[in-house]
């Protein structure tokens, strides 16, 4: 595996470019989120329209969203890019990134943003950050439901000398421990990388999987697709999110049952129910592309063995 490219750590006062790369956002939530970024000591800068493109379900045209992302990537005064929300539409920007993505910067987001994170990892070995978004989590605040976990965010974006441990607050499905590179994100979006030039590589990795609003049979279908594509063949371990709004009728198989049935014979440590991505709890920030050690003992821990940023 090629060496990773790490961004420079976030410092007090640094400019954080807030981009709407997928669906439109509510302006009041965007403002609250930017106020929270200021409280943390950084300087948010909103870029481009965030309201609905006329006749569409995107925040803006693909061309305008791509230009905003390219500008933020190339601007030496921008230290980090925080996405405003997910929804749908990040996949339209992938093939236009090109040389703009050569130099790594902090790139924070989740849900639909998985498309860009997977591309940046596969094409450029960028370390990125799977975590809260400005108008989806920052606007709610730190340490509250549907908000974000401040400690894991700050450690991920500022630590440059050593790693740290994330308490996963889940449950063990398969007990054990293993080391690997963290990759992953939203299950639906990871599945859509299959067959593309940026298809997610999983050998020797700790795979992060989460999603929302899928029925158990849809989770089963996505997991089976990835399994049949060989993506679970040489995994080190798996961290699963809560999968909210994913239960079927009473008495039917649950997502927990589905995961255990599809992955139960893998023999690797699996932790289920961590507050990552779509969660009603304060969302953890997990660096993608770093060496980590997963333990499924107790409620699960993910020990990040190297800093995600450079000084």
Protein backbone atom coordinates (compact mmCIF):
# COMPACT_ATOMS: atom_id res chain seq x y z
CA UNK A 1 0.00 0.00 0.00
CA UNK A 2 1.31 3.46 -0.93
CA UNK A 3 2.14 5.88 1.92
CA UNK A 4 -0.67 8.15 3.03
CA UNK A 5 -0.73 11.92 2.58
CA UNK A 6 -1.66 13.75 5.76
CA UNK A 7 -2.96 17.32 6.01
CA UNK A 8 -1.49 20.02 8.20
CA UNK A 9 -3.16 20.20 11.60
CA UNK A 10 -5.78 22.83 12.35
CA UNK A 11 -4.54 25.76 14.45
CA UNK A 12 -6.44 28.49 16.34
CA UNK A 13 -7.70 31.13 13.93
CA UNK A 14 -7.25 29.01 10.81
CA UNK A 15 -9.70 29.47 7.93
CA UNK A 16 -12.21 26.65 7.53
CA UNK A 17 -13.98 26.68 4.17
CA UNK A 18 -17.61 25.53 4.55
CA UNK A 19 -18.81 23.88 1.34
CA UNK A 20 -22.20 22.52 0.24
CA UNK A 21 -21.10 19.74 -2.10
CA UNK A 22 -24.30 17.70 -2.20
CA UNK A 23 -27.86 18.67 -1.22
CA UNK A 24 -29.05 22.13 -0.12
CA UNK A 25 -28.94 23.23 3.51
CA UNK A 26 -31.13 25.37 5.73
CA UNK A 27 -29.53 28.78 6.13
CA UNK A 28 -30.33 29.05 9.84
CA UNK A 29 -28.66 25.72 10.55
CA UNK A 30 -25.66 26.73 8.48
CA UNK A 31 -25.27 29.94 10.50
CA UNK A 32 -25.55 28.08 13.81
CA UNK A 33 -22.93 25.61 12.65
CA UNK A 34 -20.56 28.40 11.64
CA UNK A 35 -21.08 30.04 15.03
CA UNK A 36 -20.03 26.76 16.64
CA UNK A 37 -16.88 26.66 14.49
CA UNK A 38 -16.08 30.16 15.74
CA UNK A 39 -16.59 28.99 19.32
CA UNK A 40 -13.97 26.33 18.70
CA UNK A 41 -11.52 29.07 17.72
CA UNK A 42 -11.51 28.80 13.93
CA UNK A 43 -12.61 31.13 11.14
CA UNK A 44 -15.45 29.75 8.99
CA UNK A 45 -15.76 30.99 5.44
CA UNK A 46 -18.86 30.04 3.48
CA UNK A 47 -18.39 29.52 -0.21
CA UNK A 48 -21.03 29.65 -2.92
CA UNK A 49 -24.79 29.08 -2.79
CA UNK A 50 -26.20 26.56 -0.35
CA UNK A 51 -29.87 26.89 -1.23
CA UNK A 52 -31.54 24.61 -3.73
CA UNK A 53 -30.57 24.87 -7.37
CA UNK A 54 -33.77 25.69 -9.27
CA UNK A 55 -35.57 22.54 -10.34
CA UNK A 56 -33.04 20.26 -8.66
CA UNK A 57 -32.20 18.52 -5.39
CA UNK A 58 -28.59 19.78 -5.36
CA UNK A 59 -27.20 22.80 -3.50
CA UNK A 60 -25.93 24.17 -6.82
CA UNK A 61 -24.96 22.99 -10.29
CA UNK A 62 -22.25 20.34 -10.45
CA UNK A 63 -19.98 22.83 -12.20
CA UNK A 64 -20.35 25.43 -9.46
CA UNK A 65 -19.94 22.89 -6.65
CA UNK A 66 -16.81 21.53 -8.32
CA UNK A 67 -15.36 25.03 -8.77
CA UNK A 68 -15.96 25.76 -5.07
CA UNK A 69 -14.18 22.56 -4.07
CA UNK A 70 -11.28 23.15 -6.46
CA UNK A 71 -10.91 26.71 -5.16
CA UNK A 72 -10.79 25.55 -1.54
CA UNK A 73 -8.26 22.84 -2.36
CA UNK A 74 -5.96 25.25 -4.19
CA UNK A 75 -6.30 28.23 -1.83
CA UNK A 76 -3.19 28.41 0.41
CA UNK A 77 -5.18 30.39 2.98
CA UNK A 78 -7.70 27.58 3.49
CA UNK A 79 -6.51 25.10 6.11
CA UNK A 80 -9.57 22.85 6.20
CA UNK A 81 -12.77 22.01 4.33
CA UNK A 82 -15.85 21.23 6.42
CA UNK A 83 -18.88 19.97 4.49
CA UNK A 84 -22.23 21.54 5.34
CA UNK A 85 -24.28 18.35 4.93
CA UNK A 86 -24.68 15.20 2.86
CA UNK A 87 -27.83 14.24 1.02
CA UNK A 88 -26.87 13.42 -2.55
CA UNK A 89 -24.63 14.71 -5.32
CA UNK A 90 -20.98 14.44 -4.26
CA UNK A 91 -20.40 11.76 -6.89
CA UNK A 92 -20.83 14.38 -9.64
CA UNK A 93 -17.60 16.08 -8.53
CA UNK A 94 -15.24 13.12 -8.45
CA UNK A 95 -13.85 13.03 -11.96
CA UNK A 96 -13.24 16.77 -12.11
CA UNK A 97 -10.92 16.99 -9.12
CA UNK A 98 -7.69 16.01 -10.83
CA UNK A 99 -4.60 18.03 -9.92
CA UNK A 100 -6.55 20.19 -7.46
CA UNK A 101 -6.41 17.32 -4.96
CA UNK A 102 -2.67 16.71 -5.05
CA UNK A 103 -1.89 18.48 -1.76
CA UNK A 104 -3.80 17.10 1.22
CA UNK A 105 -5.98 19.35 3.37
CA UNK A 106 -8.30 18.55 6.23
CA UNK A 107 -11.50 17.27 4.65
CA UNK A 108 -14.34 16.61 7.10
CA UNK A 109 -17.72 15.09 6.33
CA UNK A 110 -19.82 11.93 6.31
CA UNK A 111 -22.84 10.31 4.65
CA UNK A 112 -22.86 11.25 0.92
CA UNK A 113 -19.39 12.78 1.32
CA UNK A 114 -18.13 9.17 1.47
CA UNK A 115 -17.97 9.27 -2.35
CA UNK A 116 -15.31 11.98 -2.28
CA UNK A 117 -13.45 10.49 0.68
CA UNK A 118 -13.19 7.11 -1.02
CA UNK A 119 -11.94 8.74 -4.22
CA UNK A 120 -9.36 10.87 -2.40
CA UNK A 121 -8.06 7.80 -0.58
CA UNK A 122 -7.93 5.50 -3.59
CA UNK A 123 -6.47 8.03 -6.03
CA UNK A 124 -4.25 10.18 -3.78
CA UNK A 125 -4.00 8.30 -0.44
CA UNK A 126 -5.46 11.30 1.37
CA UNK A 127 -6.17 10.95 5.05
CA UNK A 128 -9.65 12.42 5.55
CA UNK A 129 -12.05 12.60 8.47
CA UNK A 130 -15.38 10.85 8.84
CA UNK A 131 -17.30 13.04 11.21
CA UNK A 132 -19.76 15.85 11.87
CA UNK A 133 -21.00 18.38 9.34
CA UNK A 134 -21.72 22.06 9.75
CA UNK A 135 -25.50 22.18 9.23
CA UNK A 136 -26.17 18.64 10.43
CA UNK A 137 -24.18 18.36 13.66
CA UNK A 138 -22.17 21.49 14.50
CA UNK A 139 -25.41 23.43 14.55
CA UNK A 140 -26.73 21.18 17.33
CA UNK A 141 -23.65 21.68 19.49
CA UNK A 142 -21.05 19.58 21.28
CA UNK A 143 -21.95 16.66 23.51
CA UNK A 144 -25.67 16.61 22.71
CA UNK A 145 -27.97 14.33 20.71
CA UNK A 146 -27.49 14.70 16.93
CA UNK A 147 -24.51 16.95 17.68
CA UNK A 148 -20.86 15.97 17.81
CA UNK A 149 -18.18 14.69 20.14
CA UNK A 150 -15.78 17.60 20.63
CA UNK A 151 -12.90 15.61 22.11
CA UNK A 152 -12.55 13.20 19.18
CA UNK A 153 -12.94 16.05 16.67
CA UNK A 154 -10.20 18.17 18.21
CA UNK A 155 -7.82 15.23 18.65
CA UNK A 156 -8.32 14.11 15.07
CA UNK A 157 -7.80 17.56 13.53
CA UNK A 158 -5.01 18.90 15.75
CA UNK A 159 -2.88 16.02 17.13
CA UNK A 160 0.50 15.70 15.38
CA UNK A 161 2.72 13.70 17.73
CA UNK A 162 0.82 10.67 18.96
CA UNK A 163 -2.37 8.69 18.62
CA UNK A 164 -5.35 8.33 20.93
CA UNK A 165 -8.17 5.96 21.83
CA UNK A 166 -11.80 6.25 20.78
CA UNK A 167 -14.40 4.63 22.99
CA UNK A 168 -16.81 3.15 20.45
CA UNK A 169 -19.77 2.88 22.83
CA UNK A 170 -21.11 -0.14 20.96
CA UNK A 171 -21.37 -3.88 21.50
CA UNK A 172 -19.20 -6.79 20.37
CA UNK A 173 -20.61 -9.03 17.65
CA UNK A 174 -17.38 -10.99 17.32
CA UNK A 175 -14.73 -10.67 20.02
CA UNK A 176 -11.07 -10.08 19.31
CA UNK A 177 -8.56 -7.44 18.34
CA UNK A 178 -6.75 -6.53 15.15
CA UNK A 179 -4.66 -3.82 13.50
CA UNK A 180 -5.29 -2.24 10.12
CA UNK A 181 -5.73 0.96 8.14
CA UNK A 182 -9.09 2.67 8.68
CA UNK A 183 -11.26 3.00 5.58
CA UNK A 184 -14.98 3.20 4.93
CA UNK A 185 -18.00 5.37 5.55
CA UNK A 186 -21.59 5.13 4.39
CA UNK A 187 -22.44 1.60 3.20
CA UNK A 188 -24.57 2.68 0.23
CA UNK A 189 -21.85 4.96 -1.11
CA UNK A 190 -19.06 2.46 -0.57
CA UNK A 191 -21.05 -0.12 -2.52
CA UNK A 192 -21.31 2.31 -5.45
CA UNK A 193 -17.51 2.43 -5.75
CA UNK A 194 -17.50 -1.20 -6.91
CA UNK A 195 -16.52 -1.40 -10.57
CA UNK A 196 -15.11 2.15 -10.69
CA UNK A 197 -11.41 3.11 -10.92
CA UNK A 198 -11.69 4.25 -7.29
CA UNK A 199 -13.19 1.01 -5.99
CA UNK A 200 -12.52 0.80 -2.27
CA UNK A 201 -9.63 -1.46 -1.25
CA UNK A 202 -10.24 -3.36 1.98
CA UNK A 203 -7.44 -5.91 2.37
CA UNK A 204 -5.86 -5.52 5.79
CA UNK A 205 -8.18 -2.69 6.81
CA UNK A 206 -10.51 -1.84 9.64
CA UNK A 207 -13.69 -1.13 7.72
CA UNK A 208 -16.12 1.52 8.95
CA UNK A 209 -19.71 0.86 7.83
CA UNK A 210 -22.83 2.85 8.65
CA UNK A 211 -26.02 4.06 6.99
CA UNK A 212 -29.63 4.99 7.68
CA UNK A 213 -33.12 4.36 6.30
CA UNK A 214 -32.37 0.93 4.83
CA UNK A 215 -34.59 -2.07 5.47
CA UNK A 216 -32.76 -5.14 6.78
CA UNK A 217 -33.03 -6.86 3.40
CA UNK A 218 -31.40 -3.80 1.77
CA UNK A 219 -28.56 -3.93 4.28
CA UNK A 220 -28.30 -7.66 3.51
CA UNK A 221 -28.16 -7.00 -0.23
CA UNK A 222 -25.42 -4.37 0.11
CA UNK A 223 -23.35 -6.53 2.45
CA UNK A 224 -23.73 -9.57 0.21
CA UNK A 225 -22.72 -7.52 -2.83
CA UNK A 226 -19.55 -6.39 -1.07
CA UNK A 227 -18.90 -9.90 0.24
CA UNK A 228 -19.27 -11.42 -3.23
CA UNK A 229 -16.98 -8.70 -4.58
CA UNK A 230 -14.30 -9.94 -2.16
CA UNK A 231 -14.35 -6.91 0.10
CA UNK A 232 -14.62 -8.92 3.32
CA UNK A 233 -12.12 -11.63 2.36
CA UNK A 234 -9.01 -10.15 4.02
CA UNK A 235 -10.40 -7.60 6.47
CA UNK A 236 -8.74 -6.97 9.82
CA UNK A 237 -11.94 -5.81 11.56
CA UNK A 238 -15.24 -3.97 11.21
CA UNK A 239 -16.84 -1.05 13.06
CA UNK A 240 -20.58 -0.71 12.43
CA UNK A 241 -22.74 2.32 13.16
CA UNK A 242 -26.22 2.40 14.66
CA UNK A 243 -28.11 2.04 11.34
CA UNK A 244 -31.07 4.17 12.50
CA UNK A 245 -34.46 3.89 10.80
CA UNK A 246 -33.39 0.52 9.41
CA UNK A 247 -35.77 -1.86 11.16
CA UNK A 248 -38.47 -3.84 9.39
CA UNK A 249 -41.88 -4.92 10.73
CA UNK A 250 -42.04 -6.36 14.24
CA UNK A 251 -40.90 -9.96 14.28
CA UNK A 252 -38.77 -9.63 11.15
CA UNK A 253 -34.99 -10.02 11.13
CA UNK A 254 -33.19 -6.96 12.53
CA UNK A 255 -30.12 -5.29 11.06
CA UNK A 256 -28.15 -6.76 13.96
CA UNK A 257 -29.37 -10.25 12.95
CA UNK A 258 -28.54 -9.57 9.32
CA UNK A 259 -25.01 -8.46 10.08
CA UNK A 260 -24.41 -11.44 12.33
CA UNK A 261 -25.70 -13.84 9.65
CA UNK A 262 -23.69 -12.34 6.77
CA UNK A 263 -20.47 -11.59 8.66
CA UNK A 264 -20.65 -13.97 11.62
CA UNK A 265 -18.28 -16.49 10.08
CA UNK A 266 -15.59 -13.93 9.27
CA UNK A 267 -13.57 -14.60 12.42
CA UNK A 268 -12.55 -10.95 12.74
CA UNK A 269 -13.46 -8.50 15.55
CA UNK A 270 -16.71 -6.65 14.90
CA UNK A 271 -18.18 -3.84 17.00
CA UNK A 272 -21.76 -2.76 16.30
CA UNK A 273 -23.67 0.38 17.29
CA UNK A 274 -20.93 3.02 17.43
CA UNK A 275 -22.07 6.68 17.18
CA UNK A 276 -20.57 7.32 13.75
CA UNK A 277 -22.19 8.93 10.74
CA UNK A 278 -25.96 8.75 11.11
CA UNK A 279 -26.50 8.68 14.86
CA UNK A 280 -28.74 10.26 17.46
CA UNK A 281 -25.78 10.54 19.84
CA UNK A 282 -22.83 12.97 19.68
CA UNK A 283 -21.01 11.88 16.53
CA UNK A 284 -17.43 10.65 16.79
CA UNK A 285 -14.76 11.81 14.34
CA UNK A 286 -12.72 8.96 12.86
CA UNK A 287 -9.66 9.58 10.67
CA UNK A 288 -9.70 7.49 7.50
CA UNK A 289 -6.35 6.25 6.19
CA UNK A 290 -4.44 5.79 9.45
CA UNK A 291 -3.17 2.73 11.29
CA UNK A 292 -5.45 1.72 14.16
CA UNK A 293 -6.13 -1.16 16.50
CA UNK A 294 -9.69 -2.37 17.03
CA UNK A 295 -10.71 -4.21 20.18
CA UNK A 296 -14.24 -5.54 20.61
CA UNK A 297 -13.84 -6.03 24.34
CA UNK A 298 -16.48 -4.31 26.46
CA UNK A 299 -18.17 -1.61 24.38
CA UNK A 300 -15.29 -1.54 21.88
CA UNK A 301 -12.29 0.70 21.38
CA UNK A 302 -10.48 2.00 18.32
CA UNK A 303 -6.93 2.96 19.21
CA UNK A 304 -5.53 5.36 16.62
CA UNK A 305 -1.85 4.43 16.46
CA UNK A 306 -0.57 7.44 14.51
CA UNK A 307 -1.58 11.09 14.25
CA UNK A 308 -3.83 11.93 11.31
CA UNK A 309 -2.18 15.33 10.75
CA UNK A 310 1.30 16.77 10.41
CA UNK A 311 2.55 19.96 12.04
